[in-house]
PDB file of all heavy atoms in Angstrom:
ATOM      1  N   CYS A   1     138.310   6.018  75.154  1.00  0.00           N
ATOM      2  CA  CYS A   1     137.837   7.069  76.022  1.00  0.00           C
ATOM      3  C   CYS A   1     136.649   7.813  75.398  1.00  0.00           C
ATOM      4  O   CYS A   1     136.689   8.185  74.240  1.00  0.00           O
ATOM      5  CB  CYS A   1     138.969   8.063  76.323  1.00  0.00           C
ATOM      6  SG  CYS A   1     138.448   9.448  77.397  1.00  0.00           S
ATOM      7  N   PHE A   2     135.620   8.008  76.217  1.00  0.00           N
ATOM      8  CA  PHE A   2     134.527   8.890  75.885  1.00  0.00           C
ATOM      9  C   PHE A   2     134.653  10.133  76.784  1.00  0.00           C
ATOM     10  O   PHE A   2     134.873   9.995  77.980  1.00  0.00           O
ATOM     11  CB  PHE A   2     133.165   8.233  76.155  1.00  0.00           C
ATOM     12  CG  PHE A   2     132.747   7.209  75.140  1.00  0.00           C
ATOM     13  CD1 PHE A   2     133.475   6.047  74.988  1.00  0.00           C
ATOM     14  CD2 PHE A   2     131.624   7.405  74.357  1.00  0.00           C
ATOM     15  CE1 PHE A   2     133.089   5.084  74.068  1.00  0.00           C
ATOM     16  CE2 PHE A   2     131.218   6.452  73.434  1.00  0.00           C
ATOM     17  CZ  PHE A   2     131.960   5.295  73.292  1.00  0.00           C
ATOM     18  N   GLN A   3     134.467  11.299  76.220  1.00  0.00           N
ATOM     19  CA  GLN A   3     134.522  12.544  76.988  1.00  0.00           C
ATOM     20  C   GLN A   3     133.372  13.420  76.582  1.00  0.00           C
ATOM     21  O   GLN A   3     133.097  13.607  75.403  1.00  0.00           O
ATOM     22  CB  GLN A   3     135.850  13.270  76.748  1.00  0.00           C
ATOM     23  CG  GLN A   3     135.980  14.587  77.498  1.00  0.00           C
ATOM     24  CD  GLN A   3     137.303  15.284  77.258  1.00  0.00           C
ATOM     25  OE1 GLN A   3     138.257  14.687  76.742  1.00  0.00           O
ATOM     26  NE2 GLN A   3     137.392  16.551  77.600  1.00  0.00           N
ATOM     27  N   PHE A   4     132.675  13.990  77.580  1.00  0.00           N
ATOM     28  CA  PHE A   4     131.560  14.876  77.275  1.00  0.00           C
ATOM     29  C   PHE A   4     131.300  15.774  78.487  1.00  0.00           C
ATOM     30  O   PHE A   4     131.553  15.386  79.627  1.00  0.00           O
ATOM     31  CB  PHE A   4     130.271  14.087  76.907  1.00  0.00           C
ATOM     32  CG  PHE A   4     129.924  12.981  77.857  1.00  0.00           C
ATOM     33  CD1 PHE A   4     129.019  13.198  78.872  1.00  0.00           C
ATOM     34  CD2 PHE A   4     130.526  11.731  77.732  1.00  0.00           C
ATOM     35  CE1 PHE A   4     128.687  12.159  79.764  1.00  0.00           C
ATOM     36  CE2 PHE A   4     130.204  10.699  78.609  1.00  0.00           C
ATOM     37  CZ  PHE A   4     129.282  10.921  79.615  1.00  0.00           C
ATOM     38  N   PRO A   5     130.800  16.988  78.263  1.00  0.00           N
ATOM     39  CA  PRO A   5     130.557  17.933  79.357  1.00  0.00           C
ATOM     40  C   PRO A   5     129.273  17.611  80.109  1.00  0.00           C
ATOM     41  O   PRO A   5     128.411  16.869  79.625  1.00  0.00           O
ATOM     42  CB  PRO A   5     130.461  19.265  78.654  1.00  0.00           C
ATOM     43  CG  PRO A   5     129.907  18.919  77.310  1.00  0.00           C
ATOM     44  CD  PRO A   5     130.491  17.585  76.953  1.00  0.00           C
ATOM     45  N   ASP A   6     129.111  18.227  81.274  1.00  0.00           N
ATOM     46  CA  ASP A   6     127.873  18.041  82.042  1.00  0.00           C
ATOM     47  C   ASP A   6     126.646  18.501  81.260  1.00  0.00           C
ATOM     48  O   ASP A   6     125.554  18.005  81.498  1.00  0.00           O
ATOM     49  CB  ASP A   6     127.961  18.824  83.359  1.00  0.00           C
ATOM     50  CG  ASP A   6     128.830  18.145  84.390  1.00  0.00           C
ATOM     51  OD1 ASP A   6     129.176  16.953  84.177  1.00  0.00           O
ATOM     52  OD2 ASP A   6     129.191  18.766  85.392  1.00  0.00           O
ATOM     53  N   THR A   7     126.826  19.469  80.388  1.00  0.00           N
ATOM     54  CA  THR A   7     125.679  20.011  79.654  1.00  0.00           C
ATOM     55  C   THR A   7     125.243  19.123  78.497  1.00  0.00           C
ATOM     56  O   THR A   7     124.245  19.423  77.852  1.00  0.00           O
ATOM     57  CB  THR A   7     126.035  21.397  79.097  1.00  0.00           C
ATOM     58  OG1 THR A   7     127.272  21.332  78.388  1.00  0.00           O
ATOM     59  CG2 THR A   7     126.118  22.425  80.205  1.00  0.00           C
ATOM     60  N   PHE A   8     125.970  18.036  78.249  1.00  0.00           N
ATOM     61  CA  PHE A   8     125.586  17.111  77.187  1.00  0.00           C
ATOM     62  C   PHE A   8     124.526  16.154  77.724  1.00  0.00           C
ATOM     63  O   PHE A   8     124.737  15.419  78.683  1.00  0.00           O
ATOM     64  CB  PHE A   8     126.797  16.343  76.685  1.00  0.00           C
ATOM     65  CG  PHE A   8     126.511  15.418  75.530  1.00  0.00           C
ATOM     66  CD1 PHE A   8     126.249  15.943  74.275  1.00  0.00           C
ATOM     67  CD2 PHE A   8     126.472  14.062  75.705  1.00  0.00           C
ATOM     68  CE1 PHE A   8     125.990  15.111  73.219  1.00  0.00           C
ATOM     69  CE2 PHE A   8     126.203  13.206  74.654  1.00  0.00           C
ATOM     70  CZ  PHE A   8     125.950  13.730  73.388  1.00  0.00           C
ATOM     71  N   GLU A   9     123.357  16.164  77.113  1.00  0.00           N
ATOM     72  CA  GLU A   9     122.236  15.354  77.582  1.00  0.00           C
ATOM     73  C   GLU A   9     122.356  13.924  77.068  1.00  0.00           C
ATOM     74  O   GLU A   9     122.580  13.698  75.900  1.00  0.00           O
ATOM     75  CB  GLU A   9     120.913  15.961  77.138  1.00  0.00           C
ATOM     76  CG  GLU A   9     120.599  17.282  77.809  1.00  0.00           C
ATOM     77  CD  GLU A   9     119.207  17.770  77.468  1.00  0.00           C
ATOM     78  OE1 GLU A   9     118.697  17.378  76.388  1.00  0.00           O
ATOM     79  OE2 GLU A   9     118.622  18.504  78.271  1.00  0.00           O
ATOM     80  N   THR A  10     122.215  12.968  77.983  1.00  0.00           N
ATOM     81  CA  THR A  10     122.226  11.559  77.623  1.00  0.00           C
ATOM     82  C   THR A  10     121.073  10.845  78.315  1.00  0.00           C
ATOM     83  O   THR A  10     120.435  11.401  79.214  1.00  0.00           O
ATOM     84  CB  THR A  10     123.540  10.874  78.059  1.00  0.00           C
ATOM     85  OG1 THR A  10     123.527  10.726  79.482  1.00  0.00           O
ATOM     86  CG2 THR A  10     124.772  11.701  77.653  1.00  0.00           C
ATOM     87  N   GLU A  11     120.853   9.622  77.906  1.00  0.00           N
ATOM     88  CA  GLU A  11     119.994   8.770  78.710  1.00  0.00           C
ATOM     89  C   GLU A  11     120.749   8.468  80.001  1.00  0.00           C
ATOM     90  O   GLU A  11     121.980   8.561  80.042  1.00  0.00           O
ATOM     91  CB  GLU A  11     119.677   7.461  77.960  1.00  0.00           C
ATOM     92  CG  GLU A  11     118.861   7.650  76.686  1.00  0.00           C
ATOM     93  CD  GLU A  11     117.447   8.124  76.983  1.00  0.00           C
ATOM     94  OE1 GLU A  11     116.931   7.770  78.062  1.00  0.00           O
ATOM     95  OE2 GLU A  11     116.881   8.827  76.155  1.00  0.00           O
ATOM     96  N   PRO A  12     120.038   8.113  81.095  1.00  0.00           N
ATOM     97  CA  PRO A  12     120.753   7.767  82.327  1.00  0.00           C
ATOM     98  C   PRO A  12     121.772   6.661  82.088  1.00  0.00           C
ATOM     99  O   PRO A  12     121.465   5.640  81.493  1.00  0.00           O
ATOM    100  CB  PRO A  12     119.649   7.321  83.290  1.00  0.00           C
ATOM    101  CG  PRO A  12     118.421   7.984  82.752  1.00  0.00           C
ATOM    102  CD  PRO A  12     118.581   8.034  81.255  1.00  0.00           C
ATOM    103  N   LEU A  13     123.005   6.875  82.526  1.00  0.00           N
ATOM    104  CA  LEU A  13     124.057   5.880  82.361  1.00  0.00           C
ATOM    105  C   LEU A  13     124.184   4.933  83.536  1.00  0.00           C
ATOM    106  O   LEU A  13     124.645   3.808  83.398  1.00  0.00           O
ATOM    107  CB  LEU A  13     125.396   6.584  82.126  1.00  0.00           C
ATOM    108  CG  LEU A  13     125.495   7.449  80.862  1.00  0.00           C
ATOM    109  CD1 LEU A  13     126.876   8.072  80.770  1.00  0.00           C
ATOM    110  CD2 LEU A  13     125.219   6.596  79.637  1.00  0.00           C
ATOM    111  N   PHE A  14     123.768   5.380  84.734  1.00  0.00           N
ATOM    112  CA  PHE A  14     123.880   4.571  85.936  1.00  0.00           C
ATOM    113  C   PHE A  14     122.566   4.614  86.679  1.00  0.00           C
ATOM    114  O   PHE A  14     121.959   5.658  86.811  1.00  0.00           O
ATOM    115  CB  PHE A  14     125.040   5.061  86.815  1.00  0.00           C
ATOM    116  CG  PHE A  14     126.356   5.145  86.084  1.00  0.00           C
ATOM    117  CD1 PHE A  14     126.856   6.378  85.700  1.00  0.00           C
ATOM    118  CD2 PHE A  14     127.049   4.014  85.748  1.00  0.00           C
ATOM    119  CE1 PHE A  14     128.065   6.461  85.028  1.00  0.00           C
ATOM    120  CE2 PHE A  14     128.257   4.090  85.066  1.00  0.00           C
ATOM    121  CZ  PHE A  14     128.749   5.310  84.706  1.00  0.00           C
ATOM    122  N   LEU A  15     122.163   3.460  87.167  1.00  0.00           N
ATOM    123  CA  LEU A  15     120.889   3.351  87.855  1.00  0.00           C
ATOM    124  C   LEU A  15     121.078   3.476  89.370  1.00  0.00           C
ATOM    125  O   LEU A  15     122.135   3.143  89.920  1.00  0.00           O
ATOM    126  CB  LEU A  15     120.239   1.998  87.535  1.00  0.00           C
ATOM    127  CG  LEU A  15     119.946   1.758  86.055  1.00  0.00           C
ATOM    128  CD1 LEU A  15     119.424   0.323  85.876  1.00  0.00           C
ATOM    129  CD2 LEU A  15     118.966   2.759  85.502  1.00  0.00           C
ATOM    130  N   GLY A  16     120.030   3.950  90.012  1.00  0.00           N
ATOM    131  CA  GLY A  16     119.992   4.039  91.471  1.00  0.00           C
ATOM    132  C   GLY A  16     118.657   3.538  91.984  1.00  0.00           C
ATOM    133  O   GLY A  16     117.742   3.291  91.187  1.00  0.00           O
ATOM    134  N   PRO A  17     118.482   3.404  93.286  1.00  0.00           N
ATOM    135  CA  PRO A  17     117.246   2.840  93.813  1.00  0.00           C
ATOM    136  C   PRO A  17     116.007   3.643  93.488  1.00  0.00           C
ATOM    137  O   PRO A  17     114.926   3.077  93.306  1.00  0.00           O
ATOM    138  CB  PRO A  17     117.493   2.783  95.334  1.00  0.00           C
ATOM    139  CG  PRO A  17     118.601   3.753  95.583  1.00  0.00           C
ATOM    140  CD  PRO A  17     119.456   3.730  94.357  1.00  0.00           C
ATOM    141  N   THR A  18     116.137   4.960  93.394  1.00  0.00           N
ATOM    142  CA  THR A  18     114.963   5.783  93.107  1.00  0.00           C
ATOM    143  C   THR A  18     114.498   5.674  91.657  1.00  0.00           C
ATOM    144  O   THR A  18     113.444   6.198  91.299  1.00  0.00           O
ATOM    145  CB  THR A  18     115.220   7.243  93.457  1.00  0.00           C
ATOM    146  OG1 THR A  18     116.368   7.716  92.734  1.00  0.00           O
ATOM    147  CG2 THR A  18     115.474   7.406  94.935  1.00  0.00           C
ATOM    148  N   GLU A  19     115.285   4.992  90.805  1.00  0.00           N
ATOM    149  CA  GLU A  19     114.835   4.760  89.428  1.00  0.00           C
ATOM    150  C   GLU A  19     113.710   3.746  89.412  1.00  0.00           C
ATOM    151  O   GLU A  19     112.918   3.667  88.438  1.00  0.00           O
ATOM    152  CB  GLU A  19     116.007   4.242  88.585  1.00  0.00           C
ATOM    153  CG  GLU A  19     117.200   5.157  88.496  1.00  0.00           C
ATOM    154  CD  GLU A  19     116.985   6.313  87.564  1.00  0.00           C
ATOM    155  OE1 GLU A  19     116.023   6.285  86.773  1.00  0.00           O
ATOM    156  OE2 GLU A  19     117.785   7.271  87.622  1.00  0.00           O
ATOM    157  N   PHE A  20     113.615   2.924  90.446  1.00  0.00           N
ATOM    158  CA  PHE A  20     112.681   1.791  90.428  1.00  0.00           C
ATOM    159  C   PHE A  20     111.473   1.999  91.357  1.00  0.00           C
ATOM    160  O   PHE A  20     110.402   1.455  91.127  1.00  0.00           O
ATOM    161  CB  PHE A  20     113.421   0.512  90.847  1.00  0.00           C
ATOM    162  CG  PHE A  20     114.536   0.150  89.907  1.00  0.00           C
ATOM    163  CD1 PHE A  20     115.820   0.613  90.121  1.00  0.00           C
ATOM    164  CD2 PHE A  20     114.279  -0.641  88.800  1.00  0.00           C
ATOM    165  CE1 PHE A  20     116.850   0.298  89.244  1.00  0.00           C
ATOM    166  CE2 PHE A  20     115.307  -0.957  87.918  1.00  0.00           C
ATOM    167  CZ  PHE A  20     116.594  -0.497  88.134  1.00  0.00           C
ATOM    168  N   ILE A  21     111.682   2.722  92.433  1.00  0.00           N
ATOM    169  CA  ILE A  21     110.637   2.890  93.436  1.00  0.00           C
ATOM    170  C   ILE A  21     110.255   4.379  93.497  1.00  0.00           C
ATOM    171  O   ILE A  21     111.109   5.234  93.736  1.00  0.00           O
ATOM    172  CB  ILE A  21     111.086   2.431  94.822  1.00  0.00           C
ATOM    173  CG1 ILE A  21     111.465   0.958  94.783  1.00  0.00           C
ATOM    174  CG2 ILE A  21     110.018   2.679  95.867  1.00  0.00           C
ATOM    175  CD1 ILE A  21     110.327   0.023  94.411  1.00  0.00           C
ATOM    176  N   HIS A  22     108.975   4.688  93.296  1.00  0.00           N
ATOM    177  CA  HIS A  22     108.493   6.069  93.308  1.00  0.00           C
ATOM    178  C   HIS A  22     107.550   6.242  94.474  1.00  0.00           C
ATOM    179  O   HIS A  22     106.371   5.913  94.417  1.00  0.00           O
ATOM    180  CB  HIS A  22     107.780   6.389  91.985  1.00  0.00           C
ATOM    181  CG  HIS A  22     108.634   6.160  90.765  1.00  0.00           C
ATOM    182  ND1 HIS A  22     108.092   5.923  89.531  1.00  0.00           N
ATOM    183  CD2 HIS A  22     109.976   6.127  90.606  1.00  0.00           C
ATOM    184  CE1 HIS A  22     109.073   5.737  88.664  1.00  0.00           C
ATOM    185  NE2 HIS A  22     110.225   5.856  89.307  1.00  0.00           N
ATOM    186  N   LEU A  23     108.079   6.784  95.577  1.00  0.00           N
ATOM    187  CA  LEU A  23     107.286   6.906  96.788  1.00  0.00           C
ATOM    188  C   LEU A  23     106.047   7.764  96.588  1.00  0.00           C
ATOM    189  O   LEU A  23     105.038   7.553  97.268  1.00  0.00           O
ATOM    190  CB  LEU A  23     108.157   7.492  97.905  1.00  0.00           C
ATOM    191  CG  LEU A  23     109.346   6.633  98.373  1.00  0.00           C
ATOM    192  CD1 LEU A  23     110.143   7.381  99.432  1.00  0.00           C
ATOM    193  CD2 LEU A  23     108.871   5.298  98.906  1.00  0.00           C
ATOM    194  N   ALA A  24     106.132   8.732  95.678  1.00  0.00           N
ATOM    195  CA  ALA A  24     104.993   9.629  95.475  1.00  0.00           C
ATOM    196  C   ALA A  24     103.760   8.884  94.942  1.00  0.00           C
ATOM    197  O   ALA A  24     102.640   9.375  95.050  1.00  0.00           O
ATOM    198  CB  ALA A  24     105.388  10.747  94.511  1.00  0.00           C
ATOM    199  N   GLU A  25     103.978   7.683  94.399  1.00  0.00           N
ATOM    200  CA  GLU A  25     102.851   6.942  93.822  1.00  0.00           C
ATOM    201  C   GLU A  25     102.285   5.920  94.808  1.00  0.00           C
ATOM    202  O   GLU A  25     101.353   5.203  94.455  1.00  0.00           O
ATOM    203  CB  GLU A  25     103.328   6.263  92.542  1.00  0.00           C
ATOM    204  CG  GLU A  25     103.788   7.251  91.472  1.00  0.00           C
ATOM    205  CD  GLU A  25     104.336   6.565  90.222  1.00  0.00           C
ATOM    206  OE1 GLU A  25     104.187   5.323  90.138  1.00  0.00           O
ATOM    207  OE2 GLU A  25     104.896   7.249  89.365  1.00  0.00           O
ATOM    208  N   PHE A  26     102.857   5.828  95.996  1.00  0.00           N
ATOM    209  CA  PHE A  26     102.312   4.892  96.990  1.00  0.00           C
ATOM    210  C   PHE A  26     100.961   5.403  97.503  1.00  0.00           C
ATOM    211  O   PHE A  26     100.748   6.598  97.624  1.00  0.00           O
ATOM    212  CB  PHE A  26     103.277   4.767  98.163  1.00  0.00           C
ATOM    213  CG  PHE A  26     104.503   3.937  97.864  1.00  0.00           C
ATOM    214  CD1 PHE A  26     104.800   3.532  96.595  1.00  0.00           C
ATOM    215  CD2 PHE A  26     105.350   3.547  98.905  1.00  0.00           C
ATOM    216  CE1 PHE A  26     105.929   2.779  96.325  1.00  0.00           C
ATOM    217  CE2 PHE A  26     106.482   2.798  98.651  1.00  0.00           C
ATOM    218  CZ  PHE A  26     106.778   2.417  97.354  1.00  0.00           C
ATOM    219  N   SER A  27     100.059   4.478  97.828  1.00  0.00           N
ATOM    220  CA  SER A  27      98.750   4.861  98.354  1.00  0.00           C
ATOM    221  C   SER A  27      98.797   5.121  99.862  1.00  0.00           C
ATOM    222  O   SER A  27      97.895   5.725 100.425  1.00  0.00           O
ATOM    223  CB  SER A  27      97.732   3.758  98.054  1.00  0.00           C
ATOM    224  OG  SER A  27      98.166   2.531  98.620  1.00  0.00           O
ATOM    225  N   THR A  28      99.864   4.653 100.524  1.00  0.00           N
ATOM    226  CA  THR A  28     100.035   4.914 101.951  1.00  0.00           C
ATOM    227  C   THR A  28     101.437   5.463 102.197  1.00  0.00           C
ATOM    228  O   THR A  28     102.370   5.230 101.422  1.00  0.00           O
ATOM    229  CB  THR A  28      99.865   3.610 102.769  1.00  0.00           C
ATOM    230  OG1 THR A  28     100.818   2.647 102.315  1.00  0.00           O
ATOM    231  CG2 THR A  28      98.466   3.051 102.620  1.00  0.00           C
ATOM    232  N   LEU A  29     101.568   6.234 103.278  1.00  0.00           N
ATOM    233  CA  LEU A  29     102.853   6.843 103.599  1.00  0.00           C
ATOM    234  C   LEU A  29     103.798   5.852 104.245  1.00  0.00           C
ATOM    235  O   LEU A  29     103.354   4.954 104.970  1.00  0.00           O
ATOM    236  CB  LEU A  29     102.635   8.019 104.542  1.00  0.00           C
ATOM    237  CG  LEU A  29     101.911   9.245 103.981  1.00  0.00           C
ATOM    238  CD1 LEU A  29     101.606  10.216 105.093  1.00  0.00           C
ATOM    239  CD2 LEU A  29     102.727   9.907 102.916  1.00  0.00           C
ATOM    240  N   PRO A  30     105.104   5.990 104.017  1.00  0.00           N
ATOM    241  CA  PRO A  30     106.072   5.179 104.757  1.00  0.00           C
ATOM    242  C   PRO A  30     105.934   5.432 106.256  1.00  0.00           C
ATOM    243  O   PRO A  30     105.590   6.522 106.692  1.00  0.00           O
ATOM    244  CB  PRO A  30     107.427   5.662 104.223  1.00  0.00           C
ATOM    245  CG  PRO A  30     107.111   6.260 102.891  1.00  0.00           C
ATOM    246  CD  PRO A  30     105.759   6.871 103.034  1.00  0.00           C
ATOM    247  N   GLU A  31     106.213   4.414 107.047  1.00  0.00           N
ATOM    248  CA  GLU A  31     106.091   4.527 108.500  1.00  0.00           C
ATOM    249  C   GLU A  31     107.462   4.609 109.136  1.00  0.00           C
ATOM    250  O   GLU A  31     108.396   3.923 108.748  1.00  0.00           O
ATOM    251  CB  GLU A  31     105.338   3.303 109.056  1.00  0.00           C
ATOM    252  CG  GLU A  31     103.893   3.195 108.572  1.00  0.00           C
ATOM    253  CD  GLU A  31     103.170   1.989 109.169  1.00  0.00           C
ATOM    254  OE1 GLU A  31     103.862   1.237 109.915  1.00  0.00           O
ATOM    255  OE2 GLU A  31     101.988   1.824 108.888  1.00  0.00           O
ATOM    256  N   GLU A  32     107.570   5.452 110.142  1.00  0.00           N
ATOM    257  CA  GLU A  32     108.805   5.567 110.900  1.00  0.00           C
ATOM    258  C   GLU A  32     108.833   4.434 111.944  1.00  0.00           C
ATOM    259  O   GLU A  32     107.886   4.263 112.712  1.00  0.00           O
ATOM    260  CB  GLU A  32     108.882   6.924 111.588  1.00  0.00           C
ATOM    261  CG  GLU A  32     110.145   7.133 112.389  1.00  0.00           C
ATOM    262  CD  GLU A  32     110.204   8.515 113.026  1.00  0.00           C
ATOM    263  OE1 GLU A  32     109.542   9.437 112.488  1.00  0.00           O
ATOM    264  OE2 GLU A  32     110.896   8.657 114.039  1.00  0.00           O
ATOM    265  N   THR A  33     109.923   3.681 111.932  1.00  0.00           N
ATOM    266  CA  THR A  33     109.992   2.513 112.833  1.00  0.00           C
ATOM    267  C   THR A  33     111.052   2.657 113.918  1.00  0.00           C
ATOM    268  O   THR A  33     111.213   1.740 114.725  1.00  0.00           O
ATOM    269  CB  THR A  33     110.299   1.231 112.031  1.00  0.00           C
ATOM    270  OG1 THR A  33     111.583   1.363 111.409  1.00  0.00           O
ATOM    271  CG2 THR A  33     109.247   1.011 110.949  1.00  0.00           C
ATOM    272  N   GLY A  34     111.768   3.769 113.944  1.00  0.00           N
ATOM    273  CA  GLY A  34     112.780   3.952 114.984  1.00  0.00           C
ATOM    274  C   GLY A  34     114.055   4.538 114.448  1.00  0.00           C
ATOM    275  O   GLY A  34     114.165   4.873 113.248  1.00  0.00           O
ATOM    276  N   THR A  35     115.029   4.695 115.312  1.00  0.00           N
ATOM    277  CA  THR A  35     116.327   5.266 114.948  1.00  0.00           C
ATOM    278  C   THR A  35     117.425   4.224 115.144  1.00  0.00           C
ATOM    279  O   THR A  35     117.444   3.532 116.169  1.00  0.00           O
ATOM    280  CB  THR A  35     116.640   6.507 115.802  1.00  0.00           C
ATOM    281  OG1 THR A  35     115.595   7.501 115.587  1.00  0.00           O
ATOM    282  CG2 THR A  35     117.971   7.132 115.404  1.00  0.00           C
ATOM    283  N   GLU A  36     118.312   4.121 114.173  1.00  0.00           N
ATOM    284  CA  GLU A  36     119.416   3.163 114.228  1.00  0.00           C
ATOM    285  C   GLU A  36     120.740   3.914 113.970  1.00  0.00           C
ATOM    286  O   GLU A  36     120.743   4.997 113.411  1.00  0.00           O
ATOM    287  CB  GLU A  36     119.239   2.045 113.188  1.00  0.00           C
ATOM    288  CG  GLU A  36     117.939   1.279 113.351  1.00  0.00           C
ATOM    289  CD  GLU A  36     117.739   0.255 112.255  1.00  0.00           C
ATOM    290  OE1 GLU A  36     118.727  -0.152 111.619  1.00  0.00           O
ATOM    291  OE2 GLU A  36     116.579  -0.139 112.022  1.00  0.00           O
ATOM    292  N   SER A  37     121.843   3.288 114.360  1.00  0.00           N
ATOM    293  CA  SER A  37     123.169   3.859 114.127  1.00  0.00           C
ATOM    294  C   SER A  37     123.785   3.274 112.876  1.00  0.00           C
ATOM    295  O   SER A  37     123.903   2.039 112.745  1.00  0.00           O
ATOM    296  CB  SER A  37     124.089   3.605 115.336  1.00  0.00           C
ATOM    297  OG  SER A  37     125.373   4.132 115.115  1.00  0.00           O
ATOM    298  N   ILE A  38     124.128   4.154 111.939  1.00  0.00           N
ATOM    299  CA  ILE A  38     124.784   3.737 110.694  1.00  0.00           C
ATOM    300  C   ILE A  38     126.016   4.600 110.501  1.00  0.00           C
ATOM    301  O   ILE A  38     125.914   5.833 110.467  1.00  0.00           O
ATOM    302  CB  ILE A  38     123.848   3.872 109.473  1.00  0.00           C
ATOM    303  CG1 ILE A  38     122.622   2.986 109.634  1.00  0.00           C
ATOM    304  CG2 ILE A  38     124.583   3.524 108.184  1.00  0.00           C
ATOM    305  CD1 ILE A  38     121.614   3.108 108.513  1.00  0.00           C
ATOM    306  N   LEU A  39     127.183   3.994 110.457  1.00  0.00           N
ATOM    307  CA  LEU A  39     128.456   4.692 110.303  1.00  0.00           C
ATOM    308  C   LEU A  39     128.622   5.741 111.401  1.00  0.00           C
ATOM    309  O   LEU A  39     129.135   6.845 111.181  1.00  0.00           O
ATOM    310  CB  LEU A  39     128.559   5.355 108.930  1.00  0.00           C
ATOM    311  CG  LEU A  39     128.570   4.391 107.720  1.00  0.00           C
ATOM    312  CD1 LEU A  39     128.591   5.194 106.415  1.00  0.00           C
ATOM    313  CD2 LEU A  39     129.779   3.475 107.789  1.00  0.00           C
ATOM    314  N   GLY A  40     128.122   5.432 112.578  1.00  0.00           N
ATOM    315  CA  GLY A  40     128.249   6.333 113.703  1.00  0.00           C
ATOM    316  C   GLY A  40     127.273   7.484 113.715  1.00  0.00           C
ATOM    317  O   GLY A  40     127.371   8.399 114.546  1.00  0.00           O
TER     318      GLY A  40
END
């Protein structure tokens, strides 16, 4: 077992999609293509 508080700083332990894609660095804006139903 490893235990540590929220205030303990670590390198990121789990990756997510925004770790790889940085929208702010795109030269063009994302385009809205419509509305879909997801999970109601």
